[in-house]
Amino acid sequence: MAYADTLWRSGGHAELHVWPGAVHGFDTLAPDAAVSRAAVTARQDWLRRLLG
């Protein structure tokens, strides 16, 4: 959360999602888990909006 806040304060773009119970890299460790699929979708949606 601090990293996203630093980006925002410096004028950068970020979208913060907190995935309770998930560890760093969870979407790679368990790619078929529902939370992983949701995280990948959220990341792809953000990139589409950002890059237009």
PDB file of N, CA and C in Angstrom:
ATOM      1  N   MET A   1       0.823  -1.171   0.000  1.00  0.00           N
ATOM      2  CA  MET A   1       0.000   0.000   0.000  1.00  0.00           C
ATOM      3  C   MET A   1       0.877   1.247   0.000  1.00  0.00           C
ATOM      4  N   ALA A   2       1.996   1.180   0.688  1.00  0.00           N
ATOM      5  CA  ALA A   2       2.909   2.318   0.711  1.00  0.00           C
ATOM      6  C   ALA A   2       3.482   2.584  -0.680  1.00  0.00           C
ATOM      7  N   TYR A   3       3.763   1.532  -1.420  1.00  0.00           N
ATOM      8  CA  TYR A   3       4.304   1.692  -2.779  1.00  0.00           C
ATOM      9  C   TYR A   3       3.301   2.411  -3.672  1.00  0.00           C
ATOM     10  N   ALA A   4       2.038   1.977  -3.638  1.00  0.00           N
ATOM     11  CA  ALA A   4       0.999   2.629  -4.438  1.00  0.00           C
ATOM     12  C   ALA A   4       0.850   4.081  -4.015  1.00  0.00           C
ATOM     13  N   ASP A   5       0.873   4.346  -2.731  1.00  0.00           N
ATOM     14  CA  ASP A   5       0.756   5.714  -2.238  1.00  0.00           C
ATOM     15  C   ASP A   5       1.902   6.585  -2.747  1.00  0.00           C
ATOM     16  N   THR A   6       3.107   6.038  -2.754  1.00  0.00           N
ATOM     17  CA  THR A   6       4.263   6.777  -3.262  1.00  0.00           C
ATOM     18  C   THR A   6       4.081   7.092  -4.748  1.00  0.00           C
ATOM     19  N   LEU A   7       3.588   6.135  -5.503  1.00  0.00           N
ATOM     20  CA  LEU A   7       3.329   6.376  -6.923  1.00  0.00           C
ATOM     21  C   LEU A   7       2.313   7.494  -7.112  1.00  0.00           C
ATOM     22  N   TRP A   8       1.213   7.429  -6.371  1.00  0.00           N
ATOM     23  CA  TRP A   8       0.177   8.441  -6.500  1.00  0.00           C
ATOM     24  C   TRP A   8       0.704   9.829  -6.141  1.00  0.00           C
ATOM     25  N   ARG A   9       1.462   9.897  -5.057  1.00  0.00           N
ATOM     26  CA  ARG A   9       1.984  11.190  -4.600  1.00  0.00           C
ATOM     27  C   ARG A   9       2.965  11.793  -5.606  1.00  0.00           C
ATOM     28  N   SER A  10       3.633  10.950  -6.376  1.00  0.00           N
ATOM     29  CA  SER A  10       4.591  11.451  -7.350  1.00  0.00           C
ATOM     30  C   SER A  10       3.945  11.677  -8.721  1.00  0.00           C
ATOM     31  N   GLY A  11       2.638  11.490  -8.807  1.00  0.00           N
ATOM     32  CA  GLY A  11       1.928  11.717 -10.058  1.00  0.00           C
ATOM     33  C   GLY A  11       1.829  10.491 -10.947  1.00  0.00           C
ATOM     34  N   GLY A  12       2.257   9.351 -10.435  1.00  0.00           N
ATOM     35  CA  GLY A  12       2.199   8.114 -11.210  1.00  0.00           C
ATOM     36  C   GLY A  12       0.818   7.487 -11.203  1.00  0.00           C
ATOM     37  N   HIS A  13       0.670   6.461 -12.002  1.00  0.00           N
ATOM     38  CA  HIS A  13      -0.596   5.740 -12.103  1.00  0.00           C
ATOM     39  C   HIS A  13      -0.479   4.405 -11.382  1.00  0.00           C
ATOM     40  N   ALA A  14      -1.483   4.097 -10.611  1.00  0.00           N
ATOM     41  CA  ALA A  14      -1.531   2.803  -9.924  1.00  0.00           C
ATOM     42  C   ALA A  14      -2.980   2.511  -9.571  1.00  0.00           C
ATOM     43  N   GLU A  15      -3.268   1.248  -9.457  1.00  0.00           N
ATOM     44  CA  GLU A  15      -4.564   0.808  -8.954  1.00  0.00           C
ATOM     45  C   GLU A  15      -4.246  -0.228  -7.891  1.00  0.00           C
ATOM     46  N   LEU A  16      -4.752  -0.026  -6.712  1.00  0.00           N
ATOM     47  CA  LEU A  16      -4.418  -0.896  -5.581  1.00  0.00           C
ATOM     48  C   LEU A  16      -5.526  -1.916  -5.339  1.00  0.00           C
ATOM     49  N   HIS A  17      -5.122  -3.165  -5.313  1.00  0.00           N
ATOM     50  CA  HIS A  17      -6.022  -4.255  -4.936  1.00  0.00           C
ATOM     51  C   HIS A  17      -5.339  -5.026  -3.813  1.00  0.00           C
ATOM     52  N   VAL A  18      -6.101  -5.375  -2.797  1.00  0.00           N
ATOM     53  CA  VAL A  18      -5.577  -6.194  -1.704  1.00  0.00           C
ATOM     54  C   VAL A  18      -6.280  -7.541  -1.790  1.00  0.00           C
ATOM     55  N   TRP A  19      -5.487  -8.595  -1.876  1.00  0.00           N
ATOM     56  CA  TRP A  19      -6.028  -9.946  -2.006  1.00  0.00           C
ATOM     57  C   TRP A  19      -5.776 -10.657  -0.678  1.00  0.00           C
ATOM     58  N   PRO A  20      -6.742 -10.615   0.253  1.00  0.00           N
ATOM     59  CA  PRO A  20      -6.546 -11.201   1.591  1.00  0.00           C
ATOM     60  C   PRO A  20      -6.125 -12.669   1.538  1.00  0.00           C
ATOM     61  N   GLY A  21      -5.111 -12.981   2.313  1.00  0.00           N
ATOM     62  CA  GLY A  21      -4.627 -14.347   2.424  1.00  0.00           C
ATOM     63  C   GLY A  21      -3.658 -14.755   1.331  1.00  0.00           C
ATOM     64  N   ALA A  22      -3.452 -13.896   0.347  1.00  0.00           N
ATOM     65  CA  ALA A  22      -2.571 -14.239  -0.767  1.00  0.00           C
ATOM     66  C   ALA A  22      -1.145 -13.773  -0.484  1.00  0.00           C
ATOM     67  N   VAL A  23      -0.187 -14.584  -0.884  1.00  0.00           N
ATOM     68  CA  VAL A  23       1.229 -14.249  -0.708  1.00  0.00           C
ATOM     69  C   VAL A  23       1.763 -13.656  -2.012  1.00  0.00           C
ATOM     70  N   HIS A  24       2.924 -13.027  -1.949  1.00  0.00           N
ATOM     71  CA  HIS A  24       3.540 -12.448  -3.137  1.00  0.00           C
ATOM     72  C   HIS A  24       3.723 -13.543  -4.206  1.00  0.00           C
ATOM     73  N   GLY A  25       3.295 -13.250  -5.407  1.00  0.00           N
ATOM     74  CA  GLY A  25       3.431 -14.209  -6.498  1.00  0.00           C
ATOM     75  C   GLY A  25       2.359 -15.284  -6.522  1.00  0.00           C
ATOM     76  N   PHE A  26       1.292 -15.095  -5.755  1.00  0.00           N
ATOM     77  CA  PHE A  26       0.256 -16.132  -5.659  1.00  0.00           C
ATOM     78  C   PHE A  26      -0.338 -16.499  -7.005  1.00  0.00           C
ATOM     79  N   ASP A  27      -0.428 -15.524  -7.915  1.00  0.00           N
ATOM     80  CA  ASP A  27      -1.040 -15.817  -9.211  1.00  0.00           C
ATOM     81  C   ASP A  27      -0.159 -16.724 -10.062  1.00  0.00           C
ATOM     82  N   THR A  28       1.138 -16.761  -9.756  1.00  0.00           N
ATOM     83  CA  THR A  28       2.059 -17.675 -10.446  1.00  0.00           C
ATOM     84  C   THR A  28       2.079 -19.037  -9.757  1.00  0.00           C
ATOM     85  N   LEU A  29       2.016 -19.014  -8.429  1.00  0.00           N
ATOM     86  CA  LEU A  29       2.077 -20.262  -7.661  1.00  0.00           C
ATOM     87  C   LEU A  29       0.818 -21.114  -7.815  1.00  0.00           C
ATOM     88  N   ALA A  30      -0.322 -20.449  -7.922  1.00  0.00           N
ATOM     89  CA  ALA A  30      -1.595 -21.170  -8.045  1.00  0.00           C
ATOM     90  C   ALA A  30      -2.446 -20.485  -9.108  1.00  0.00           C
ATOM     91  N   PRO A  31      -2.043 -20.593 -10.371  1.00  0.00           N
ATOM     92  CA  PRO A  31      -2.715 -19.839 -11.431  1.00  0.00           C
ATOM     93  C   PRO A  31      -4.184 -20.197 -11.654  1.00  0.00           C
ATOM     94  N   ASP A  32      -4.602 -21.376 -11.224  1.00  0.00           N
ATOM     95  CA  ASP A  32      -5.984 -21.792 -11.439  1.00  0.00           C
ATOM     96  C   ASP A  32      -6.909 -21.449 -10.276  1.00  0.00           C
ATOM     97  N   ALA A  33      -6.350 -20.896  -9.203  1.00  0.00           N
ATOM     98  CA  ALA A  33      -7.177 -20.517  -8.053  1.00  0.00           C
ATOM     99  C   ALA A  33      -8.064 -19.332  -8.430  1.00  0.00           C
ATOM    100  N   ALA A  34      -9.237 -19.270  -7.859  1.00  0.00           N
ATOM    101  CA  ALA A  34     -10.181 -18.195  -8.172  1.00  0.00           C
ATOM    102  C   ALA A  34      -9.566 -16.826  -7.910  1.00  0.00           C
ATOM    103  N   VAL A  35      -8.847 -16.674  -6.812  1.00  0.00           N
ATOM    104  CA  VAL A  35      -8.240 -15.381  -6.488  1.00  0.00           C
ATOM    105  C   VAL A  35      -7.174 -15.010  -7.511  1.00  0.00           C
ATOM    106  N   SER A  36      -6.459 -15.990  -8.017  1.00  0.00           N
ATOM    107  CA  SER A  36      -5.444 -15.729  -9.049  1.00  0.00           C
ATOM    108  C   SER A  36      -6.093 -15.278 -10.345  1.00  0.00           C
ATOM    109  N   ARG A  37      -7.148 -15.948 -10.731  1.00  0.00           N
ATOM    110  CA  ARG A  37      -7.853 -15.561 -11.958  1.00  0.00           C
ATOM    111  C   ARG A  37      -8.419 -14.149 -11.825  1.00  0.00           C
ATOM    112  N   ALA A  38      -8.952 -13.826 -10.644  1.00  0.00           N
ATOM    113  CA  ALA A  38      -9.490 -12.483 -10.411  1.00  0.00           C
ATOM    114  C   ALA A  38      -8.381 -11.435 -10.470  1.00  0.00           C
ATOM    115  N   ALA A  39      -7.224 -11.746  -9.908  1.00  0.00           N
ATOM    116  CA  ALA A  39      -6.102 -10.802  -9.911  1.00  0.00           C
ATOM    117  C   ALA A  39      -5.581 -10.571 -11.325  1.00  0.00           C
ATOM    118  N   VAL A  40      -5.472 -11.623 -12.093  1.00  0.00           N
ATOM    119  CA  VAL A  40      -4.993 -11.489 -13.476  1.00  0.00           C
ATOM    120  C   VAL A  40      -5.982 -10.654 -14.284  1.00  0.00           C
ATOM    121  N   THR A  41      -7.258 -10.908 -14.111  1.00  0.00           N
ATOM    122  CA  THR A  41      -8.282 -10.133 -14.817  1.00  0.00           C
ATOM    123  C   THR A  41      -8.209  -8.665 -14.421  1.00  0.00           C
ATOM    124  N   ALA A  42      -8.060  -8.386 -13.133  1.00  0.00           N
ATOM    125  CA  ALA A  42      -7.963  -6.998 -12.655  1.00  0.00           C
ATOM    126  C   ALA A  42      -6.749  -6.308 -13.258  1.00  0.00           C
ATOM    127  N   ARG A  43      -5.626  -7.008 -13.307  1.00  0.00           N
ATOM    128  CA  ARG A  43      -4.397  -6.435 -13.875  1.00  0.00           C
ATOM    129  C   ARG A  43      -4.571  -6.159 -15.373  1.00  0.00           C
ATOM    130  N   GLN A  44      -5.159  -7.087 -16.098  1.00  0.00           N
ATOM    131  CA  GLN A  44      -5.376  -6.906 -17.535  1.00  0.00           C
ATOM    132  C   GLN A  44      -6.349  -5.760 -17.802  1.00  0.00           C
ATOM    133  N   ASP A  45      -7.408  -5.673 -17.004  1.00  0.00           N
ATOM    134  CA  ASP A  45      -8.380  -4.592 -17.167  1.00  0.00           C
ATOM    135  C   ASP A  45      -7.726  -3.238 -16.931  1.00  0.00           C
ATOM    136  N   TRP A  46      -6.881  -3.137 -15.909  1.00  0.00           N
ATOM    137  CA  TRP A  46      -6.196  -1.888 -15.601  1.00  0.00           C
ATOM    138  C   TRP A  46      -5.275  -1.489 -16.751  1.00  0.00           C
ATOM    139  N   LEU A  47      -4.519  -2.447 -17.257  1.00  0.00           N
ATOM    140  CA  LEU A  47      -3.620  -2.146 -18.362  1.00  0.00           C
ATOM    141  C   LEU A  47      -4.379  -1.692 -19.609  1.00  0.00           C
ATOM    142  N   ARG A  48      -5.525  -2.323 -19.878  1.00  0.00           N
ATOM    143  CA  ARG A  48      -6.347  -1.904 -21.021  1.00  0.00           C
ATOM    144  C   ARG A  48      -6.815  -0.465 -20.846  1.00  0.00           C
ATOM    145  N   ARG A  49      -7.269  -0.132 -19.627  1.00  0.00           N
ATOM    146  CA  ARG A  49      -7.728   1.241 -19.379  1.00  0.00           C
ATOM    147  C   ARG A  49      -6.576   2.215 -19.472  1.00  0.00           C
ATOM    148  N   LEU A  50      -5.421   1.861 -18.951  1.00  0.00           N
ATOM    149  CA  LEU A  50      -4.270   2.747 -18.948  1.00  0.00           C
ATOM    150  C   LEU A  50      -3.727   2.986 -20.354  1.00  0.00           C
ATOM    151  N   LEU A  51      -3.630   1.920 -21.125  1.00  0.00           N
ATOM    152  CA  LEU A  51      -3.022   2.009 -22.449  1.00  0.00           C
ATOM    153  C   LEU A  51      -4.036   2.338 -23.543  1.00  0.00           C
ATOM    154  N   GLY A  52      -5.318   2.202 -23.202  1.00  0.00           N
ATOM    155  CA  GLY A  52      -6.389   2.564 -24.124  1.00  0.00           C
ATOM    156  C   GLY A  52      -6.325   1.867 -25.412  1.00  0.00           C
TER     157      GLY A  52
END
